[in-house]
Amino acid sequence: MYGPEGFYLRPEGPAGHFRTSVHASPLFAAAVARLLTAAARALGTDEVALVDIGAGRGELLTGVLAAVPGGLAVRPYAVERAPRPAGLDPRVEWCAEPPAGVRGLIFANEWLDNVPVDIAETDEDGVVRYVLVRPDGSEELGEPVAGEDAHWLERWWPAAGPGSRAEIGRPRDEAWAAAVASLERGYAVAADYAHVREARPPFGTLTGFRAGREVPPVPDGSCDLTAHVALDACALPGAELTSQREALHRLGVSGRRPALSLAATDPAGYVRALAGAGEAAELTARGGLGDFGWLTQPVGTTLPALHSALRDCRP
């Protein structure tokens, strides 16, 4: 996945294979810009960092920098394993790890679903075992799950009987905790395919994507390997877990159609507003992007301070 010939280092980048909220509409970057502005207000500063983890080719940062209001100084960081793309805004600092000791906002859009996890399956005797996979994608059951992995499953994803599967999310918990720890003060947000303990999928979610199509998850570097995230397990004390639909509504993204009267007074404006409403509807749709989970983690501050600031930043 991340080696010299791996999926994520290919010239076309992830956008050549699948479409995220960032690619769906500039409304998403504008919403993150409002979130960043609110974070700055909650922190009482007009100089703030934005750390985009899993930055792809810098699309989100490019959109946010274009949308932030004047007077707010932003120091943008792109955290990515791929080389820096040509033509990226020179203000963006390209790095392999989150910078330490910054104040501001960490935003990780569809990052955690690509942090590697082990797969477990319950055999016919009720023993939970690791799933082993060959380079061609064929599988077999291995040793029983033990130690910290077993404790994680017991707490967050209990076995549902023979044949049931689970994705052991402990590495994602650790990756998220490390990212949050890089903040000196501010907020960290993870937006991703997600599920919670009360509604874990009984057969897991592991799959692959290539060229915009879902494909078998073969670990040969030819496709994106992804699995939904147990975001409730990632959450640290004080965190909030909401849907993308709710989060974007708070940020002023609505799929409400413009008033028909606008078509008579400003036809071009009506068409633009109608197109924006369609894009907003896609970002917030039930059964689609709107069902993504948003995990918001405060560091050295509070969520009520952010919510209060958000009310002043909506369009």
C-alpha atoms as a PDB file:
ATOM      1  CA  MET A   1       0.000   0.000   0.000  1.00  0.00           C
ATOM      2  CA  TYR A   2       2.711   2.498   0.940  1.00  0.00           C
ATOM      3  CA  GLY A   3       5.839   0.969  -0.607  1.00  0.00           C
ATOM      4  CA  PRO A   4       7.606   2.257  -3.754  1.00  0.00           C
ATOM      5  CA  GLU A   5       5.025   0.569  -5.992  1.00  0.00           C
ATOM      6  CA  GLY A   6       2.134   0.847  -3.544  1.00  0.00           C
ATOM      7  CA  PHE A   7      -1.337   2.138  -4.237  1.00  0.00           C
ATOM      8  CA  TYR A   8      -1.008   5.392  -2.300  1.00  0.00           C
ATOM      9  CA  LEU A   9       2.231   6.485  -3.962  1.00  0.00           C
ATOM     10  CA  ARG A  10       0.980   6.216  -7.542  1.00  0.00           C
ATOM     11  CA  PRO A  11       1.049   9.439  -9.565  1.00  0.00           C
ATOM     12  CA  GLU A  12      -2.734   9.688  -9.955  1.00  0.00           C
ATOM     13  CA  GLY A  13      -3.235   9.650  -6.189  1.00  0.00           C
ATOM     14  CA  PRO A  14      -6.307   8.382  -4.332  1.00  0.00           C
ATOM     15  CA  ALA A  15      -8.602  10.718  -6.294  1.00  0.00           C
ATOM     16  CA  GLY A  16      -7.905   8.601  -9.349  1.00  0.00           C
ATOM     17  CA  HIS A  17      -9.654   5.659  -7.708  1.00  0.00           C
ATOM     18  CA  PHE A  18     -12.370   6.903  -5.372  1.00  0.00           C
ATOM     19  CA  ARG A  19     -14.315  10.053  -4.525  1.00  0.00           C
ATOM     20  CA  THR A  20     -14.332  11.482  -1.018  1.00  0.00           C
ATOM     21  CA  SER A  21     -16.328  14.368   0.425  1.00  0.00           C
ATOM     22  CA  VAL A  22     -13.400  16.643  -0.466  1.00  0.00           C
ATOM     23  CA  HIS A  23     -13.807  15.788  -4.152  1.00  0.00           C
ATOM     24  CA  ALA A  24     -17.603  15.823  -4.075  1.00  0.00           C
ATOM     25  CA  SER A  25     -17.971  19.558  -3.541  1.00  0.00           C
ATOM     26  CA  PRO A  26     -16.025  22.697  -2.538  1.00  0.00           C
ATOM     27  CA  LEU A  27     -18.721  23.119   0.103  1.00  0.00           C
ATOM     28  CA  PHE A  28     -16.835  20.558   2.197  1.00  0.00           C
ATOM     29  CA  ALA A  29     -13.610  22.585   2.271  1.00  0.00           C
ATOM     30  CA  ALA A  30     -15.637  25.725   2.981  1.00  0.00           C
ATOM     31  CA  ALA A  31     -17.228  23.966   5.956  1.00  0.00           C
ATOM     32  CA  VAL A  32     -13.803  22.921   7.265  1.00  0.00           C
ATOM     33  CA  ALA A  33     -12.686  26.545   6.845  1.00  0.00           C
ATOM     34  CA  ARG A  34     -15.587  27.644   9.055  1.00  0.00           C
ATOM     35  CA  LEU A  35     -14.654  24.949  11.567  1.00  0.00           C
ATOM     36  CA  LEU A  36     -11.067  26.208  11.560  1.00  0.00           C
ATOM     37  CA  THR A  37     -12.269  29.776  12.060  1.00  0.00           C
ATOM     38  CA  ALA A  38     -14.443  28.670  14.968  1.00  0.00           C
ATOM     39  CA  ALA A  39     -11.520  26.746  16.483  1.00  0.00           C
ATOM     40  CA  ALA A  40      -9.390  29.897  16.295  1.00  0.00           C
ATOM     41  CA  ARG A  41     -12.109  31.920  18.017  1.00  0.00           C
ATOM     42  CA  ALA A  42     -12.520  29.282  20.718  1.00  0.00           C
ATOM     43  CA  LEU A  43      -8.765  29.409  21.290  1.00  0.00           C
ATOM     44  CA  GLY A  44      -8.752  33.207  21.323  1.00  0.00           C
ATOM     45  CA  THR A  45      -6.232  33.588  18.487  1.00  0.00           C
ATOM     46  CA  ASP A  46      -6.022  34.916  14.933  1.00  0.00           C
ATOM     47  CA  GLU A  47      -3.097  32.613  14.079  1.00  0.00           C
ATOM     48  CA  VAL A  48      -3.890  28.913  13.810  1.00  0.00           C
ATOM     49  CA  ALA A  49      -2.509  25.645  12.413  1.00  0.00           C
ATOM     50  CA  LEU A  50      -4.454  23.268  10.168  1.00  0.00           C
ATOM     51  CA  VAL A  51      -3.055  19.727  10.021  1.00  0.00           C
ATOM     52  CA  ASP A  52      -4.571  17.554   7.279  1.00  0.00           C
ATOM     53  CA  ILE A  53      -3.713  13.906   8.001  1.00  0.00           C
ATOM     54  CA  GLY A  54      -3.947  11.691   4.943  1.00  0.00           C
ATOM     55  CA  ALA A  55      -3.784  14.771   2.730  1.00  0.00           C
ATOM     56  CA  GLY A  56      -3.814  12.983  -0.627  1.00  0.00           C
ATOM     57  CA  ARG A  57      -2.528  15.590  -3.028  1.00  0.00           C
ATOM     58  CA  GLY A  58      -3.464  18.573  -0.858  1.00  0.00           C
ATOM     59  CA  GLU A  59      -6.975  19.072  -2.236  1.00  0.00           C
ATOM     60  CA  LEU A  60      -8.610  19.848   1.119  1.00  0.00           C
ATOM     61  CA  LEU A  61      -5.924  22.298   2.210  1.00  0.00           C
ATOM     62  CA  THR A  62      -6.114  24.076  -1.141  1.00  0.00           C
ATOM     63  CA  GLY A  63      -9.861  24.496  -0.730  1.00  0.00           C
ATOM     64  CA  VAL A  64      -9.653  25.642   2.885  1.00  0.00           C
ATOM     65  CA  LEU A  65      -6.955  28.231   2.163  1.00  0.00           C
ATOM     66  CA  ALA A  66      -9.180  29.673  -0.556  1.00  0.00           C
ATOM     67  CA  ALA A  67     -12.159  29.861   1.818  1.00  0.00           C
ATOM     68  CA  VAL A  68     -10.748  31.180   5.112  1.00  0.00           C
ATOM     69  CA  PRO A  69     -11.702  34.764   5.913  1.00  0.00           C
ATOM     70  CA  GLY A  70      -9.198  37.576   5.773  1.00  0.00           C
ATOM     71  CA  GLY A  71      -7.508  38.316   9.066  1.00  0.00           C
ATOM     72  CA  LEU A  72      -7.013  34.676  10.017  1.00  0.00           C
ATOM     73  CA  ALA A  73      -3.408  33.538   9.594  1.00  0.00           C
ATOM     74  CA  VAL A  74      -3.299  29.821   8.790  1.00  0.00           C
ATOM     75  CA  ARG A  75      -0.246  27.589   8.907  1.00  0.00           C
ATOM     76  CA  PRO A  76      -1.199  24.511   6.849  1.00  0.00           C
ATOM     77  CA  TYR A  77       0.450  21.096   7.197  1.00  0.00           C
ATOM     78  CA  ALA A  78      -0.148  18.168   4.828  1.00  0.00           C
ATOM     79  CA  VAL A  79       0.640  14.811   6.456  1.00  0.00           C
ATOM     80  CA  GLU A  80       1.140  12.284   3.679  1.00  0.00           C
ATOM     81  CA  ARG A  81       3.481   9.471   2.611  1.00  0.00           C
ATOM     82  CA  ALA A  82       3.407  10.390  -1.090  1.00  0.00           C
ATOM     83  CA  PRO A  83       5.787  13.031  -2.494  1.00  0.00           C
ATOM     84  CA  ARG A  84       4.719  16.662  -2.513  1.00  0.00           C
ATOM     85  CA  PRO A  85       2.729  17.375  -5.688  1.00  0.00           C
ATOM     86  CA  ALA A  86       3.900  20.012  -8.129  1.00  0.00           C
ATOM     87  CA  GLY A  87       2.128  23.356  -7.999  1.00  0.00           C
ATOM     88  CA  LEU A  88       0.869  23.062  -4.421  1.00  0.00           C
ATOM     89  CA  ASP A  89       0.487  26.348  -2.519  1.00  0.00           C
ATOM     90  CA  PRO A  90       3.946  27.137  -1.093  1.00  0.00           C
ATOM     91  CA  ARG A  91       2.402  27.895   2.292  1.00  0.00           C
ATOM     92  CA  VAL A  92       1.642  24.195   2.771  1.00  0.00           C
ATOM     93  CA  GLU A  93       4.280  22.339   4.750  1.00  0.00           C
ATOM     94  CA  TRP A  94       4.516  18.744   3.489  1.00  0.00           C
ATOM     95  CA  CYS A  95       5.451  16.207   6.177  1.00  0.00           C
ATOM     96  CA  ALA A  96       5.378  12.474   6.894  1.00  0.00           C
ATOM     97  CA  GLU A  97       4.195  12.817  10.515  1.00  0.00           C
ATOM     98  CA  PRO A  98       1.911  15.275  12.322  1.00  0.00           C
ATOM     99  CA  PRO A  99       3.910  18.258  13.588  1.00  0.00           C
ATOM    100  CA  ALA A 100       4.308  18.368  17.368  1.00  0.00           C
ATOM    101  CA  GLY A 101       3.114  21.153  19.620  1.00  0.00           C
ATOM    102  CA  VAL A 102       0.787  23.036  17.259  1.00  0.00           C
ATOM    103  CA  ARG A 103      -2.330  24.964  18.180  1.00  0.00           C
ATOM    104  CA  GLY A 104      -5.358  24.728  15.979  1.00  0.00           C
ATOM    105  CA  LEU A 105      -7.206  21.996  14.132  1.00  0.00           C
ATOM    106  CA  ILE A 106      -6.284  18.486  13.056  1.00  0.00           C
ATOM    107  CA  PHE A 107      -8.573  17.150  10.332  1.00  0.00           C
ATOM    108  CA  ALA A 108      -8.326  13.524   9.201  1.00  0.00           C
ATOM    109  CA  ASN A 109     -10.742  12.766   6.373  1.00  0.00           C
ATOM    110  CA  GLU A 110     -10.868   9.057   5.502  1.00  0.00           C
ATOM    111  CA  TRP A 111      -7.479   8.411   7.088  1.00  0.00           C
ATOM    112  CA  LEU A 112      -8.245   5.929   9.842  1.00  0.00           C
ATOM    113  CA  ASP A 113     -10.027   3.516   7.498  1.00  0.00           C
ATOM    114  CA  ASN A 114      -6.655   2.932   5.822  1.00  0.00           C
ATOM    115  CA  VAL A 115      -4.678   2.334   9.020  1.00  0.00           C
ATOM    116  CA  PRO A 116      -3.966  -1.429   8.785  1.00  0.00           C
ATOM    117  CA  VAL A 117      -5.829  -3.785  11.108  1.00  0.00           C
ATOM    118  CA  ASP A 118      -5.877  -7.526  11.687  1.00  0.00           C
ATOM    119  CA  ILE A 119      -9.040  -9.433  10.852  1.00  0.00           C
ATOM    120  CA  ALA A 120     -10.524 -11.981  13.262  1.00  0.00           C
ATOM    121  CA  GLU A 121     -13.044 -14.734  12.555  1.00  0.00           C
ATOM    122  CA  THR A 122     -14.844 -17.087  14.910  1.00  0.00           C
ATOM    123  CA  ASP A 123     -14.371 -20.729  13.943  1.00  0.00           C
ATOM    124  CA  GLU A 124     -16.988 -23.489  14.166  1.00  0.00           C
ATOM    125  CA  ASP A 125     -15.927 -24.253  17.751  1.00  0.00           C
ATOM    126  CA  GLY A 126     -16.434 -20.651  18.858  1.00  0.00           C
ATOM    127  CA  VAL A 127     -12.701 -19.813  18.971  1.00  0.00           C
ATOM    128  CA  VAL A 128     -11.811 -16.362  17.651  1.00  0.00           C
ATOM    129  CA  ARG A 129      -8.803 -16.651  15.325  1.00  0.00           C
ATOM    130  CA  TYR A 130      -6.694 -14.330  13.211  1.00  0.00           C
ATOM    131  CA  VAL A 131      -7.427 -14.441   9.484  1.00  0.00           C
ATOM    132  CA  LEU A 132      -4.315 -15.068   7.385  1.00  0.00           C
ATOM    133  CA  VAL A 133      -4.216 -13.924   3.766  1.00  0.00           C
ATOM    134  CA  ARG A 134      -2.045 -14.911   0.814  1.00  0.00           C
ATOM    135  CA  PRO A 135      -0.837 -12.469  -1.882  1.00  0.00           C
ATOM    136  CA  ASP A 136      -3.651 -13.632  -4.163  1.00  0.00           C
ATOM    137  CA  GLY A 137      -6.271 -12.743  -1.529  1.00  0.00           C
ATOM    138  CA  SER A 138      -7.163 -16.293  -0.462  1.00  0.00           C
ATOM    139  CA  GLU A 139      -7.588 -16.765   3.278  1.00  0.00           C
ATOM    140  CA  GLU A 140      -7.227 -19.300   6.069  1.00  0.00           C
ATOM    141  CA  LEU A 141      -7.659 -19.164   9.830  1.00  0.00           C
ATOM    142  CA  GLY A 142      -4.576 -18.847  12.002  1.00  0.00           C
ATOM    143  CA  GLU A 143      -3.823 -18.791  15.717  1.00  0.00           C
ATOM    144  CA  PRO A 144      -6.406 -17.789  18.349  1.00  0.00           C
ATOM    145  CA  VAL A 145      -6.552 -14.081  19.074  1.00  0.00           C
ATOM    146  CA  ALA A 146      -4.870 -13.368  22.405  1.00  0.00           C
ATOM    147  CA  GLY A 147      -3.428 -10.590  24.545  1.00  0.00           C
ATOM    148  CA  GLU A 148      -4.342  -6.940  23.933  1.00  0.00           C
ATOM    149  CA  ASP A 149      -6.151  -7.807  20.705  1.00  0.00           C
ATOM    150  CA  ALA A 150      -8.420 -10.230  22.583  1.00  0.00           C
ATOM    151  CA  HIS A 151      -9.111  -7.602  25.250  1.00  0.00           C
ATOM    152  CA  TRP A 152      -9.973  -5.072  22.547  1.00  0.00           C
ATOM    153  CA  LEU A 153     -12.442  -7.452  20.900  1.00  0.00           C
ATOM    154  CA  GLU A 154     -14.058  -8.322  24.210  1.00  0.00           C
ATOM    155  CA  ARG A 155     -14.665  -4.657  24.964  1.00  0.00           C
ATOM    156  CA  TRP A 156     -15.440  -3.242  21.543  1.00  0.00           C
ATOM    157  CA  TRP A 157     -16.455  -6.021  19.145  1.00  0.00           C
ATOM    158  CA  PRO A 158     -17.598  -9.233  20.871  1.00  0.00           C
ATOM    159  CA  ALA A 159     -17.889 -12.369  18.730  1.00  0.00           C
ATOM    160  CA  ALA A 160     -21.321 -12.964  17.214  1.00  0.00           C
ATOM    161  CA  GLY A 161     -21.018 -16.726  16.724  1.00  0.00           C
ATOM    162  CA  PRO A 162     -19.278 -19.086  14.251  1.00  0.00           C
ATOM    163  CA  GLY A 163     -18.435 -17.414  10.946  1.00  0.00           C
ATOM    164  CA  SER A 164     -18.672 -13.887  12.324  1.00  0.00           C
ATOM    165  CA  ARG A 165     -15.772 -11.528  11.663  1.00  0.00           C
ATOM    166  CA  ALA A 166     -14.317  -8.441  13.267  1.00  0.00           C
ATOM    167  CA  GLU A 167     -11.662  -5.883  12.443  1.00  0.00           C
ATOM    168  CA  ILE A 168      -9.366  -5.381  15.429  1.00  0.00           C
ATOM    169  CA  GLY A 169      -9.253  -1.600  15.689  1.00  0.00           C
ATOM    170  CA  ARG A 170      -6.530  -1.276  18.311  1.00  0.00           C
ATOM    171  CA  PRO A 171      -3.922   0.112  15.827  1.00  0.00           C
ATOM    172  CA  ARG A 172      -6.393   2.811  14.829  1.00  0.00           C
ATOM    173  CA  ASP A 173      -7.039   3.740  18.452  1.00  0.00           C
ATOM    174  CA  GLU A 174      -3.282   4.100  18.914  1.00  0.00           C
ATOM    175  CA  ALA A 175      -2.792   6.052  15.679  1.00  0.00           C
ATOM    176  CA  TRP A 176      -5.570   8.473  16.611  1.00  0.00           C
ATOM    177  CA  ALA A 177      -4.267   8.908  20.163  1.00  0.00           C
ATOM    178  CA  ALA A 178      -0.809   9.715  18.775  1.00  0.00           C
ATOM    179  CA  ALA A 179      -2.261  12.267  16.362  1.00  0.00           C
ATOM    180  CA  VAL A 180      -4.275  13.932  19.123  1.00  0.00           C
ATOM    181  CA  ALA A 181      -1.187  14.007  21.358  1.00  0.00           C
ATOM    182  CA  SER A 182       0.619  16.109  18.742  1.00  0.00           C
ATOM    183  CA  LEU A 183      -1.728  19.017  19.492  1.00  0.00           C
ATOM    184  CA  GLU A 184      -0.707  21.440  22.203  1.00  0.00           C
ATOM    185  CA  ARG A 185      -4.168  22.980  22.209  1.00  0.00           C
ATOM    186  CA  GLY A 186      -7.120  22.822  19.876  1.00  0.00           C
ATOM    187  CA  TYR A 187      -9.396  20.237  18.269  1.00  0.00           C
ATOM    188  CA  ALA A 188      -8.877  17.025  16.340  1.00  0.00           C
ATOM    189  CA  VAL A 189     -11.555  15.721  13.960  1.00  0.00           C
ATOM    190  CA  ALA A 190     -11.700  12.312  12.282  1.00  0.00           C
ATOM    191  CA  ALA A 191     -14.311  11.928   9.530  1.00  0.00           C
ATOM    192  CA  ASP A 192     -14.746   8.391   8.256  1.00  0.00           C
ATOM    193  CA  TYR A 193     -16.868   5.379   7.420  1.00  0.00           C
ATOM    194  CA  ALA A 194     -17.825   4.283  10.913  1.00  0.00           C
ATOM    195  CA  HIS A 195     -19.882   2.053  13.174  1.00  0.00           C
ATOM    196  CA  VAL A 196     -20.448   1.797  16.928  1.00  0.00           C
ATOM    197  CA  ARG A 197     -20.502  -1.134  19.352  1.00  0.00           C
ATOM    198  CA  GLU A 198     -24.269  -1.494  19.297  1.00  0.00           C
ATOM    199  CA  ALA A 199     -24.300  -1.893  15.501  1.00  0.00           C
ATOM    200  CA  ARG A 200     -21.116  -3.677  14.444  1.00  0.00           C
ATOM    201  CA  PRO A 201     -21.469  -5.477  11.075  1.00  0.00           C
ATOM    202  CA  PRO A 202     -21.399  -9.228  11.848  1.00  0.00           C
ATOM    203  CA  PHE A 203     -19.137 -10.086   8.902  1.00  0.00           C
ATOM    204  CA  GLY A 204     -16.894  -7.013   8.919  1.00  0.00           C
ATOM    205  CA  THR A 205     -16.391  -4.370   6.240  1.00  0.00           C
ATOM    206  CA  LEU A 206     -13.024  -5.134   4.624  1.00  0.00           C
ATOM    207  CA  THR A 207     -13.049  -4.366   0.893  1.00  0.00           C
ATOM    208  CA  GLY A 208     -10.959  -2.904  -1.916  1.00  0.00           C
ATOM    209  CA  PHE A 209     -11.337  -0.068  -4.427  1.00  0.00           C
ATOM    210  CA  ARG A 210      -9.692   0.475  -7.781  1.00  0.00           C
ATOM    211  CA  ALA A 211     -10.560   2.941 -10.553  1.00  0.00           C
ATOM    212  CA  GLY A 212     -13.790   3.919  -8.828  1.00  0.00           C
ATOM    213  CA  ARG A 213     -15.064   0.365  -8.411  1.00  0.00           C
ATOM    214  CA  GLU A 214     -15.293  -1.945  -5.442  1.00  0.00           C
ATOM    215  CA  VAL A 215     -12.992  -4.945  -5.904  1.00  0.00           C
ATOM    216  CA  PRO A 216     -11.847  -7.926  -3.788  1.00  0.00           C
ATOM    217  CA  PRO A 217      -9.349  -6.802  -1.107  1.00  0.00           C
ATOM    218  CA  VAL A 218      -6.197  -8.397  -2.526  1.00  0.00           C
ATOM    219  CA  PRO A 219      -3.044  -7.200  -0.659  1.00  0.00           C
ATOM    220  CA  ASP A 220      -0.799  -6.796  -3.698  1.00  0.00           C
ATOM    221  CA  GLY A 221      -0.622  -2.987  -3.865  1.00  0.00           C
ATOM    222  CA  SER A 222      -3.026  -2.800  -6.805  1.00  0.00           C
ATOM    223  CA  CYS A 223      -6.035  -1.464  -4.893  1.00  0.00           C
ATOM    224  CA  ASP A 224      -7.082   0.535  -1.875  1.00  0.00           C
ATOM    225  CA  LEU A 225      -7.651  -1.718   1.142  1.00  0.00           C
ATOM    226  CA  THR A 226     -10.191  -0.218   3.510  1.00  0.00           C
ATOM    227  CA  ALA A 227     -12.418  -1.140   6.438  1.00  0.00           C
ATOM    228  CA  HIS A 228     -14.866   0.998   8.377  1.00  0.00           C
ATOM    229  CA  VAL A 229     -13.707   2.494  11.678  1.00  0.00           C
ATOM    230  CA  ALA A 230     -14.905   1.752  15.209  1.00  0.00           C
ATOM    231  CA  LEU A 231     -14.808   5.466  16.019  1.00  0.00           C
ATOM    232  CA  ASP A 232     -16.337   4.974  19.457  1.00  0.00           C
ATOM    233  CA  ALA A 233     -13.278   2.900  20.396  1.00  0.00           C
ATOM    234  CA  CYS A 234     -10.953   5.660  19.143  1.00  0.00           C
ATOM    235  CA  ALA A 235     -12.651   8.338  21.237  1.00  0.00           C
ATOM    236  CA  LEU A 236     -10.729   9.756  24.188  1.00  0.00           C
ATOM    237  CA  PRO A 237     -12.364  11.392  27.239  1.00  0.00           C
ATOM    238  CA  GLY A 238     -14.295  14.530  26.344  1.00  0.00           C
ATOM    239  CA  ALA A 239     -14.849  13.581  22.691  1.00  0.00           C
ATOM    240  CA  GLU A 240     -18.066  13.932  20.694  1.00  0.00           C
ATOM    241  CA  LEU A 241     -19.242  11.490  18.024  1.00  0.00           C
ATOM    242  CA  THR A 242     -21.818  12.695  15.503  1.00  0.00           C
ATOM    243  CA  SER A 243     -22.807  11.979  11.913  1.00  0.00           C
ATOM    244  CA  GLN A 244     -21.412  14.016   9.038  1.00  0.00           C
ATOM    245  CA  ARG A 245     -24.963  15.078   8.310  1.00  0.00           C
ATOM    246  CA  GLU A 246     -25.301  16.670  11.759  1.00  0.00           C
ATOM    247  CA  ALA A 247     -21.781  18.114  11.720  1.00  0.00           C
ATOM    248  CA  LEU A 248     -22.199  19.795   8.331  1.00  0.00           C
ATOM    249  CA  HIS A 249     -25.612  21.148   9.254  1.00  0.00           C
ATOM    250  CA  ARG A 250     -23.941  22.856  12.218  1.00  0.00           C
ATOM    251  CA  LEU A 251     -21.449  24.320   9.769  1.00  0.00           C
ATOM    252  CA  GLY A 252     -24.169  25.748   7.557  1.00  0.00           C
ATOM    253  CA  VAL A 253     -24.218  23.107   4.811  1.00  0.00           C
ATOM    254  CA  SER A 254     -27.829  22.417   3.877  1.00  0.00           C
ATOM    255  CA  GLY A 255     -29.473  20.687   0.954  1.00  0.00           C
ATOM    256  CA  ARG A 256     -32.498  22.975   1.150  1.00  0.00           C
ATOM    257  CA  ARG A 257     -33.639  24.158  -2.282  1.00  0.00           C
ATOM    258  CA  PRO A 258     -33.492  27.913  -2.906  1.00  0.00           C
ATOM    259  CA  ALA A 259     -36.736  29.846  -3.011  1.00  0.00           C
ATOM    260  CA  LEU A 260     -38.403  29.549  -6.415  1.00  0.00           C
ATOM    261  CA  SER A 261     -38.964  33.312  -6.404  1.00  0.00           C
ATOM    262  CA  LEU A 262     -35.207  33.746  -6.876  1.00  0.00           C
ATOM    263  CA  ALA A 263     -35.538  32.226 -10.354  1.00  0.00           C
ATOM    264  CA  ALA A 264     -37.585  35.238 -11.453  1.00  0.00           C
ATOM    265  CA  THR A 265     -35.344  37.929  -9.963  1.00  0.00           C
ATOM    266  CA  ASP A 266     -31.915  36.318 -10.443  1.00  0.00           C
ATOM    267  CA  PRO A 267     -32.008  33.284 -12.766  1.00  0.00           C
ATOM    268  CA  ALA A 268     -28.227  32.755 -12.745  1.00  0.00           C
ATOM    269  CA  GLY A 269     -28.131  33.033  -8.959  1.00  0.00           C
ATOM    270  CA  TYR A 270     -30.974  30.546  -8.708  1.00  0.00           C
ATOM    271  CA  VAL A 271     -29.093  28.021 -10.858  1.00  0.00           C
ATOM    272  CA  ARG A 272     -25.954  28.429  -8.731  1.00  0.00           C
ATOM    273  CA  ALA A 273     -27.942  28.052  -5.522  1.00  0.00           C
ATOM    274  CA  LEU A 274     -29.711  24.991  -6.887  1.00  0.00           C
ATOM    275  CA  ALA A 275     -26.399  23.373  -7.835  1.00  0.00           C
ATOM    276  CA  GLY A 276     -25.034  24.135  -4.363  1.00  0.00           C
ATOM    277  CA  ALA A 277     -28.096  22.589  -2.772  1.00  0.00           C
ATOM    278  CA  GLY A 278     -27.542  19.414  -4.798  1.00  0.00           C
ATOM    279  CA  GLU A 279     -23.905  19.210  -3.701  1.00  0.00           C
ATOM    280  CA  ALA A 280     -24.895  19.823  -0.083  1.00  0.00           C
ATOM    281  CA  ALA A 281     -27.519  17.110  -0.332  1.00  0.00           C
ATOM    282  CA  GLU A 282     -24.878  14.618  -1.479  1.00  0.00           C
ATOM    283  CA  LEU A 283     -22.551  15.530   1.392  1.00  0.00           C
ATOM    284  CA  THR A 284     -25.309  15.072   3.960  1.00  0.00           C
ATOM    285  CA  ALA A 285     -27.344  12.255   2.407  1.00  0.00           C
ATOM    286  CA  ARG A 286     -28.636   9.439   4.604  1.00  0.00           C
ATOM    287  CA  GLY A 287     -27.312   6.133   3.335  1.00  0.00           C
ATOM    288  CA  GLY A 288     -24.312   7.944   1.830  1.00  0.00           C
ATOM    289  CA  LEU A 289     -21.730  10.511   2.877  1.00  0.00           C
ATOM    290  CA  GLY A 290     -24.054  11.945   5.515  1.00  0.00           C
ATOM    291  CA  ASP A 291     -23.765   8.705   7.487  1.00  0.00           C
ATOM    292  CA  PHE A 292     -20.016   9.125   7.972  1.00  0.00           C
ATOM    293  CA  GLY A 293     -18.955   9.530  11.583  1.00  0.00           C
ATOM    294  CA  TRP A 294     -17.276  12.707  12.843  1.00  0.00           C
ATOM    295  CA  LEU A 295     -15.210  12.284  15.991  1.00  0.00           C
ATOM    296  CA  THR A 296     -14.279  15.630  17.550  1.00  0.00           C
ATOM    297  CA  GLN A 297     -11.649  15.636  20.292  1.00  0.00           C
ATOM    298  CA  PRO A 298     -10.819  18.790  22.301  1.00  0.00           C
ATOM    299  CA  VAL A 299      -7.283  19.260  23.619  1.00  0.00           C
ATOM    300  CA  GLY A 300      -6.671  21.881  26.300  1.00  0.00           C
ATOM    301  CA  THR A 301     -10.055  23.466  25.561  1.00  0.00           C
ATOM    302  CA  THR A 302     -13.728  22.473  25.495  1.00  0.00           C
ATOM    303  CA  LEU A 303     -16.392  21.454  23.010  1.00  0.00           C
ATOM    304  CA  PRO A 304     -18.896  24.047  24.336  1.00  0.00           C
ATOM    305  CA  ALA A 305     -16.360  26.763  23.432  1.00  0.00           C
ATOM    306  CA  LEU A 306     -16.224  25.406  19.882  1.00  0.00           C
ATOM    307  CA  HIS A 307     -19.999  25.113  19.584  1.00  0.00           C
ATOM    308  CA  SER A 308     -20.408  28.700  20.785  1.00  0.00           C
ATOM    309  CA  ALA A 309     -17.854  29.931  18.246  1.00  0.00           C
ATOM    310  CA  LEU A 310     -19.532  27.948  15.463  1.00  0.00           C
ATOM    311  CA  ARG A 311     -22.739  29.892  15.898  1.00  0.00           C
ATOM    312  CA  ASP A 312     -20.832  33.039  14.912  1.00  0.00           C
ATOM    313  CA  CYS A 313     -19.154  31.422  11.890  1.00  0.00           C
ATOM    314  CA  ARG A 314     -22.107  30.045   9.963  1.00  0.00           C
ATOM    315  CA  PRO A 315     -22.722  31.669   6.563  1.00  0.00           C
END
